[in-house]
Amino acid sequence: MADTPQTPAAPAPGAPPPATEPVGLRPQILDKHGRAYATGRRKDAVARVWLKPGTGRITVNGRDQTVYFARATLRLIINQPFEITDRRDQYDVVATVSGGGLSGQAGAVKHGIAQALTRYEPGLRGTVKQAGFLTRDSRVVERKKYGRRKARRSFQFSKR
């Protein structure tokens, strides 16, 4: 009896099949063209972002990033998710942005790129999340109140 090899027990008929993926790792989410899609938001700006393997080209509203975001600081903001994950010049990005100003639009594109990057490579989620790029920056302009000059600034007081 000691010479017979032990065979693993078959799962019960109603039990789910054993998991083949590592536990805790999210699945890769791609569309039919092999791209990862995500939506990024910042202030009043909304960015729709598609990410696919490529040479590092970023196109915003049909224009190159250097044309659309002329300021270097805005381009730095957009490239932050790639810098922190060491994926510079490995993905092409196509983004359409609407609403807000240039600063808000750059933040929205950054948020969308970070979301799409985690959908394409789920293993990078921890790095991107720790940097805070997956959280939407909810700070918006405070509305103007009546009886005031701006949101908080009062009219100048006159004694006489």
Protein backbone atom coordinates (compact mmCIF):
# COMPACT_ATOMS: atom_id res chain seq x y z
CA MET A 1 0.00 0.00 0.00
CA ALA A 2 2.93 2.37 0.63
CA ASP A 3 4.19 1.93 -2.95
CA THR A 4 1.12 3.47 -4.66
CA PRO A 5 1.59 7.12 -5.69
CA GLN A 6 -0.82 9.67 -4.28
CA THR A 7 -3.00 11.39 -6.89
CA PRO A 8 -4.46 14.81 -6.17
CA ALA A 9 -8.14 14.77 -5.30
CA ALA A 10 -10.50 15.95 -8.03
CA PRO A 11 -12.47 19.10 -7.22
CA ALA A 12 -16.08 18.68 -6.16
CA PRO A 13 -18.60 18.95 -9.02
CA GLY A 14 -20.08 22.24 -7.69
CA ALA A 15 -16.77 23.86 -6.70
CA PRO A 16 -15.27 26.65 -8.85
CA PRO A 17 -12.24 25.73 -10.96
CA PRO A 18 -8.83 26.48 -9.44
CA ALA A 19 -7.54 29.97 -10.19
CA THR A 20 -4.77 30.13 -12.79
CA GLU A 21 -3.96 33.83 -12.19
CA PRO A 22 -2.13 35.06 -9.10
CA VAL A 23 -4.54 36.17 -6.41
CA GLY A 24 -4.97 39.94 -6.15
CA LEU A 25 -3.77 40.76 -9.67
CA ARG A 26 -6.38 42.47 -11.80
CA PRO A 27 -6.99 41.30 -15.38
CA GLN A 28 -5.68 43.21 -18.39
CA ILE A 29 -8.49 45.27 -19.95
CA LEU A 30 -8.07 45.97 -23.68
CA ASP A 31 -10.43 46.88 -26.51
CA LYS A 32 -10.68 45.03 -29.83
CA HIS A 33 -7.74 47.05 -31.24
CA GLY A 34 -5.41 46.06 -28.39
CA ARG A 35 -5.57 49.46 -26.68
CA ALA A 36 -6.25 50.32 -23.05
CA TYR A 37 -8.90 53.03 -22.54
CA ALA A 38 -9.41 55.27 -19.51
CA THR A 39 -11.04 58.55 -18.57
CA GLY A 40 -9.13 61.19 -16.62
CA ARG A 41 -10.62 64.19 -14.85
CA ARG A 42 -9.22 67.35 -13.24
CA LYS A 43 -11.13 70.55 -12.37
CA ASP A 44 -13.61 70.95 -15.27
CA ALA A 45 -11.49 69.06 -17.80
CA VAL A 46 -12.29 65.54 -19.00
CA ALA A 47 -9.76 63.50 -20.99
CA ARG A 48 -10.45 60.28 -22.89
CA VAL A 49 -7.17 58.38 -23.24
CA TRP A 50 -6.19 55.39 -25.41
CA LEU A 51 -2.84 53.70 -24.73
CA LYS A 52 -1.04 51.18 -26.95
CA PRO A 53 2.55 49.96 -27.35
CA GLY A 54 4.60 52.26 -29.53
CA THR A 55 7.42 54.78 -29.65
CA GLY A 56 6.30 57.30 -27.01
CA ARG A 57 4.22 59.56 -29.22
CA ILE A 58 1.52 61.53 -27.38
CA THR A 59 -1.27 63.10 -29.42
CA VAL A 60 -3.81 65.43 -27.80
CA ASN A 61 -6.89 66.48 -29.80
CA GLY A 62 -5.16 65.51 -33.05
CA ARG A 63 -2.04 67.58 -32.32
CA ASP A 64 1.35 66.61 -30.93
CA GLN A 65 1.86 67.24 -27.21
CA THR A 66 4.55 69.86 -27.89
CA VAL A 67 2.07 71.88 -29.94
CA TYR A 68 -0.99 71.46 -27.71
CA PHE A 69 0.85 71.87 -24.40
CA ALA A 70 3.46 74.49 -25.31
CA ARG A 71 4.69 74.95 -21.73
CA ALA A 72 7.32 72.44 -20.64
CA THR A 73 5.78 72.11 -17.17
CA LEU A 74 2.53 70.82 -18.66
CA ARG A 75 4.42 68.21 -20.69
CA LEU A 76 6.27 67.16 -17.52
CA ILE A 77 2.93 66.64 -15.79
CA ILE A 78 1.68 64.43 -18.63
CA ASN A 79 4.80 62.25 -18.64
CA GLN A 80 4.91 61.65 -14.86
CA PRO A 81 3.16 58.22 -14.98
CA PHE A 82 5.70 56.99 -17.56
CA GLU A 83 8.65 58.36 -15.59
CA ILE A 84 7.64 56.73 -12.32
CA THR A 85 7.11 53.31 -13.96
CA ASP A 86 10.19 53.47 -16.25
CA ARG A 87 8.01 53.14 -19.36
CA ARG A 88 9.15 56.27 -21.23
CA ASP A 89 8.97 55.93 -25.04
CA GLN A 90 7.24 52.54 -24.83
CA TYR A 91 3.61 53.55 -25.33
CA ASP A 92 1.72 55.74 -27.78
CA VAL A 93 -1.07 57.86 -26.32
CA VAL A 94 -4.06 59.31 -28.12
CA ALA A 95 -6.14 61.68 -25.97
CA THR A 96 -9.16 63.88 -26.54
CA VAL A 97 -9.67 66.60 -23.96
CA SER A 98 -12.55 68.98 -23.39
CA GLY A 99 -13.41 71.59 -20.79
CA GLY A 100 -11.28 73.58 -18.39
CA GLY A 101 -8.00 75.32 -19.08
CA LEU A 102 -4.62 73.97 -20.10
CA SER A 103 -3.50 73.17 -16.55
CA GLY A 104 -6.66 71.21 -15.79
CA GLN A 105 -6.45 69.45 -19.14
CA ALA A 106 -2.86 68.39 -18.47
CA GLY A 107 -3.91 66.99 -15.09
CA ALA A 108 -6.82 65.15 -16.72
CA VAL A 109 -4.53 63.59 -19.34
CA LYS A 110 -2.10 62.53 -16.60
CA HIS A 111 -4.94 60.90 -14.65
CA GLY A 112 -6.18 59.14 -17.80
CA ILE A 113 -2.68 57.88 -18.72
CA ALA A 114 -2.18 56.51 -15.22
CA GLN A 115 -5.54 54.71 -15.32
CA ALA A 116 -4.90 53.30 -18.81
CA LEU A 117 -1.38 52.19 -17.84
CA THR A 118 -2.76 50.12 -14.96
CA ARG A 119 -5.31 48.56 -17.30
CA TYR A 120 -2.62 47.61 -19.80
CA GLU A 121 -0.09 46.43 -17.20
CA PRO A 122 -1.94 45.54 -13.96
CA GLY A 123 1.38 44.85 -12.21
CA LEU A 124 2.17 48.58 -12.26
CA ARG A 125 -0.91 49.49 -10.24
CA GLY A 126 0.91 49.54 -6.89
CA THR A 127 3.64 51.89 -8.14
CA VAL A 128 1.20 54.29 -9.79
CA LYS A 129 -1.22 54.22 -6.87
CA GLN A 130 1.55 54.90 -4.34
CA ALA A 131 2.52 57.99 -6.33
CA GLY A 132 -1.10 59.18 -6.07
CA PHE A 133 -1.82 59.29 -9.81
CA LEU A 134 -4.93 57.08 -9.71
CA THR A 135 -6.79 59.40 -7.35
CA ARG A 136 -8.79 62.16 -8.99
CA ASP A 137 -7.69 65.57 -7.73
CA SER A 138 -11.04 66.88 -6.52
CA ARG A 139 -9.95 70.47 -5.90
CA VAL A 140 -12.07 72.88 -7.93
CA VAL A 141 -12.57 76.64 -7.91
CA GLU A 142 -14.83 77.84 -5.12
CA ARG A 143 -17.94 79.58 -6.37
CA LYS A 144 -18.51 83.30 -6.00
CA LYS A 145 -20.92 84.29 -3.23
CA TYR A 146 -23.40 87.14 -3.40
CA GLY A 147 -22.51 90.26 -1.44
CA ARG A 148 -18.81 89.58 -2.02
CA ARG A 149 -16.31 90.57 -4.65
CA LYS A 150 -15.00 87.03 -5.24
CA ALA A 151 -15.48 83.71 -3.45
CA ARG A 152 -14.12 85.06 -0.15
CA ARG A 153 -12.93 88.61 -0.83
CA SER A 154 -15.30 91.28 0.45
CA PHE A 155 -15.83 94.70 -1.00
CA GLN A 156 -13.53 97.39 0.38
CA PHE A 157 -14.87 98.79 3.62
CA SER A 158 -15.49 102.54 3.67
CA LYS A 159 -15.93 104.26 6.99
CA ARG A 160 -17.21 107.53 5.45
